[in-house]
Amino acid sequence: MNTTEKLAELRKLQAGADAIREDLQLNPPGKVTYMAPLQANPNDQVVVETDGFGGATTSIVEGNYPIDYVTKFERAFPSEKGAEAAAEAISFQGATPTQILGAAV
């Protein structure tokens, strides 16, 4: 199989994976579904990024996300909705990152 054939096969596989994700109503890997400033520290952002398999990671980051940033807290959740609920609790309901996400990275 040459490079052109491999790329064609890869496109076909990706289209299939995209169709399955659409059918299951899942976001693709790396999609940011939530971003808000942290009220306690406006230099920090609360970010939720999907894994492409129904889960997502909630992070507290400092800096220019997604280009140049430092991750302060991070936790993977088995569902996108769970990760977004955690982010909302931190952003708007007064929960601390340690309460929701655990120890700092």
C-alpha atoms as a PDB file:
ATOM      1  CA  MET A   1       0.000   0.000   0.000  1.00  0.00           C
ATOM      2  CA  ASN A   2       1.525   3.324  -1.054  1.00  0.00           C
ATOM      3  CA  THR A   3       1.148   6.694   0.690  1.00  0.00           C
ATOM      4  CA  THR A   4      -1.842   7.796  -1.395  1.00  0.00           C
ATOM      5  CA  GLU A   5      -3.689   4.564  -0.623  1.00  0.00           C
ATOM      6  CA  LYS A   6      -2.843   4.832   3.073  1.00  0.00           C
ATOM      7  CA  LEU A   7      -4.166   8.398   3.208  1.00  0.00           C
ATOM      8  CA  ALA A   8      -7.369   7.326   1.451  1.00  0.00           C
ATOM      9  CA  GLU A   9      -7.829   4.505   3.990  1.00  0.00           C
ATOM     10  CA  LEU A  10      -7.165   6.906   6.862  1.00  0.00           C
ATOM     11  CA  ARG A  11      -9.791   9.340   5.514  1.00  0.00           C
ATOM     12  CA  LYS A  12     -12.288   6.489   5.231  1.00  0.00           C
ATOM     13  CA  LEU A  13     -11.608   5.344   8.804  1.00  0.00           C
ATOM     14  CA  GLN A  14     -11.874   8.912  10.116  1.00  0.00           C
ATOM     15  CA  ALA A  15     -15.190   9.418   8.321  1.00  0.00           C
ATOM     16  CA  GLY A  16     -16.461   6.214   9.922  1.00  0.00           C
ATOM     17  CA  ALA A  17     -15.332   7.310  13.386  1.00  0.00           C
ATOM     18  CA  ASP A  18     -16.927  10.737  12.853  1.00  0.00           C
ATOM     19  CA  ALA A  19     -20.223   9.084  11.843  1.00  0.00           C
ATOM     20  CA  ILE A  20     -20.203   6.884  14.964  1.00  0.00           C
ATOM     21  CA  ARG A  21     -19.491   9.901  17.203  1.00  0.00           C
ATOM     22  CA  GLU A  22     -22.333  11.830  15.574  1.00  0.00           C
ATOM     23  CA  ASP A  23     -24.679   8.864  16.053  1.00  0.00           C
ATOM     24  CA  LEU A  24     -23.666   8.592  19.735  1.00  0.00           C
ATOM     25  CA  GLN A  25     -23.760  12.402  20.140  1.00  0.00           C
ATOM     26  CA  LEU A  26     -20.124  12.544  21.240  1.00  0.00           C
ATOM     27  CA  ASN A  27     -17.682  15.344  20.575  1.00  0.00           C
ATOM     28  CA  PRO A  28     -14.402  14.710  18.750  1.00  0.00           C
ATOM     29  CA  PRO A  29     -11.125  14.483  20.699  1.00  0.00           C
ATOM     30  CA  GLY A  30      -9.691  17.798  21.816  1.00  0.00           C
ATOM     31  CA  LYS A  31     -12.883  19.857  21.510  1.00  0.00           C
ATOM     32  CA  VAL A  32     -13.207  22.529  24.194  1.00  0.00           C
ATOM     33  CA  THR A  33     -16.820  22.462  25.388  1.00  0.00           C
ATOM     34  CA  TYR A  34     -16.430  24.826  28.330  1.00  0.00           C
ATOM     35  CA  MET A  35     -14.172  27.759  29.150  1.00  0.00           C
ATOM     36  CA  ALA A  36     -14.709  30.395  31.817  1.00  0.00           C
ATOM     37  CA  PRO A  37     -12.539  32.562  34.032  1.00  0.00           C
ATOM     38  CA  LEU A  38     -12.021  31.355  37.597  1.00  0.00           C
ATOM     39  CA  GLN A  39     -13.760  33.894  39.813  1.00  0.00           C
ATOM     40  CA  ALA A  40     -11.214  33.542  42.631  1.00  0.00           C
ATOM     41  CA  ASN A  41      -8.347  34.321  40.224  1.00  0.00           C
ATOM     42  CA  PRO A  42      -9.223  35.959  36.886  1.00  0.00           C
ATOM     43  CA  ASN A  43      -5.798  34.962  35.483  1.00  0.00           C
ATOM     44  CA  ASP A  44      -6.923  31.328  35.624  1.00  0.00           C
ATOM     45  CA  GLN A  45      -9.414  29.611  33.321  1.00  0.00           C
ATOM     46  CA  VAL A  46     -11.629  26.581  33.858  1.00  0.00           C
ATOM     47  CA  VAL A  47     -11.475  24.422  30.717  1.00  0.00           C
ATOM     48  CA  VAL A  48     -13.239  21.215  29.675  1.00  0.00           C
ATOM     49  CA  GLU A  49     -11.701  19.263  26.790  1.00  0.00           C
ATOM     50  CA  THR A  50     -13.298  16.109  25.355  1.00  0.00           C
ATOM     51  CA  ASP A  51     -11.496  12.810  24.765  1.00  0.00           C
ATOM     52  CA  GLY A  52     -13.599  11.657  21.793  1.00  0.00           C
ATOM     53  CA  PHE A  53     -14.956   8.596  23.608  1.00  0.00           C
ATOM     54  CA  GLY A  54     -17.610  10.256  25.787  1.00  0.00           C
ATOM     55  CA  GLY A  55     -15.299  11.432  28.564  1.00  0.00           C
ATOM     56  CA  ALA A  56     -13.665  14.770  29.194  1.00  0.00           C
ATOM     57  CA  THR A  57     -11.036  16.462  31.338  1.00  0.00           C
ATOM     58  CA  THR A  58     -11.684  19.499  33.502  1.00  0.00           C
ATOM     59  CA  SER A  59      -8.612  21.650  34.085  1.00  0.00           C
ATOM     60  CA  ILE A  60      -7.657  24.889  35.772  1.00  0.00           C
ATOM     61  CA  VAL A  61      -5.051  26.600  33.625  1.00  0.00           C
ATOM     62  CA  GLU A  62      -3.058  29.813  33.866  1.00  0.00           C
ATOM     63  CA  GLY A  63      -1.837  31.632  30.792  1.00  0.00           C
ATOM     64  CA  ASN A  64      -2.834  31.912  27.167  1.00  0.00           C
ATOM     65  CA  TYR A  65      -4.817  28.687  26.630  1.00  0.00           C
ATOM     66  CA  PRO A  66      -4.330  26.760  24.334  1.00  0.00           C
ATOM     67  CA  ILE A  67      -1.013  28.247  23.190  1.00  0.00           C
ATOM     68  CA  ASP A  68       1.096  28.936  26.266  1.00  0.00           C
ATOM     69  CA  TYR A  69      -0.321  27.827  29.598  1.00  0.00           C
ATOM     70  CA  VAL A  70       0.351  25.933  32.811  1.00  0.00           C
ATOM     71  CA  THR A  71      -2.086  23.350  34.168  1.00  0.00           C
ATOM     72  CA  LYS A  72      -2.709  23.832  37.884  1.00  0.00           C
ATOM     73  CA  PHE A  73      -5.460  21.254  38.465  1.00  0.00           C
ATOM     74  CA  GLU A  74      -6.775  18.474  36.258  1.00  0.00           C
ATOM     75  CA  ARG A  75      -9.216  15.576  36.515  1.00  0.00           C
ATOM     76  CA  ALA A  76     -10.585  13.192  33.899  1.00  0.00           C
ATOM     77  CA  PHE A  77     -14.306  12.378  34.037  1.00  0.00           C
ATOM     78  CA  PRO A  78     -16.040   9.405  32.407  1.00  0.00           C
ATOM     79  CA  SER A  79     -18.660  11.705  30.856  1.00  0.00           C
ATOM     80  CA  GLU A  80     -18.595  15.078  29.138  1.00  0.00           C
ATOM     81  CA  LYS A  81     -21.606  16.195  31.207  1.00  0.00           C
ATOM     82  CA  GLY A  82     -19.814  15.280  34.448  1.00  0.00           C
ATOM     83  CA  ALA A  83     -16.756  17.292  33.456  1.00  0.00           C
ATOM     84  CA  GLU A  84     -18.913  20.286  32.521  1.00  0.00           C
ATOM     85  CA  ALA A  85     -20.885  20.048  35.795  1.00  0.00           C
ATOM     86  CA  ALA A  86     -17.588  20.088  37.709  1.00  0.00           C
ATOM     87  CA  ALA A  87     -16.439  23.132  35.738  1.00  0.00           C
ATOM     88  CA  GLU A  88     -19.695  24.968  36.463  1.00  0.00           C
ATOM     89  CA  ALA A  89     -19.429  24.155  40.177  1.00  0.00           C
ATOM     90  CA  ILE A  90     -15.965  25.696  40.230  1.00  0.00           C
ATOM     91  CA  SER A  91     -16.831  28.664  38.005  1.00  0.00           C
ATOM     92  CA  PHE A  92     -20.219  29.698  39.373  1.00  0.00           C
ATOM     93  CA  GLN A  93     -21.150  27.787  42.527  1.00  0.00           C
ATOM     94  CA  GLY A  94     -18.164  28.654  44.716  1.00  0.00           C
ATOM     95  CA  ALA A  95     -16.581  25.200  44.854  1.00  0.00           C
ATOM     96  CA  THR A  96     -12.793  25.169  45.057  1.00  0.00           C
ATOM     97  CA  PRO A  97     -10.649  23.337  42.523  1.00  0.00           C
ATOM     98  CA  THR A  98      -9.283  21.138  45.320  1.00  0.00           C
ATOM     99  CA  GLN A  99     -12.810  20.079  46.358  1.00  0.00           C
ATOM    100  CA  ILE A 100     -13.815  19.094  42.840  1.00  0.00           C
ATOM    101  CA  LEU A 101     -10.576  18.167  41.058  1.00  0.00           C
ATOM    102  CA  GLY A 102      -8.353  17.024  43.920  1.00  0.00           C
ATOM    103  CA  ALA A 103      -4.746  17.962  44.598  1.00  0.00           C
ATOM    104  CA  ALA A 104      -2.821  20.353  42.377  1.00  0.00           C
ATOM    105  CA  VAL A 105      -0.853  18.927  39.456  1.00  0.00           C
END
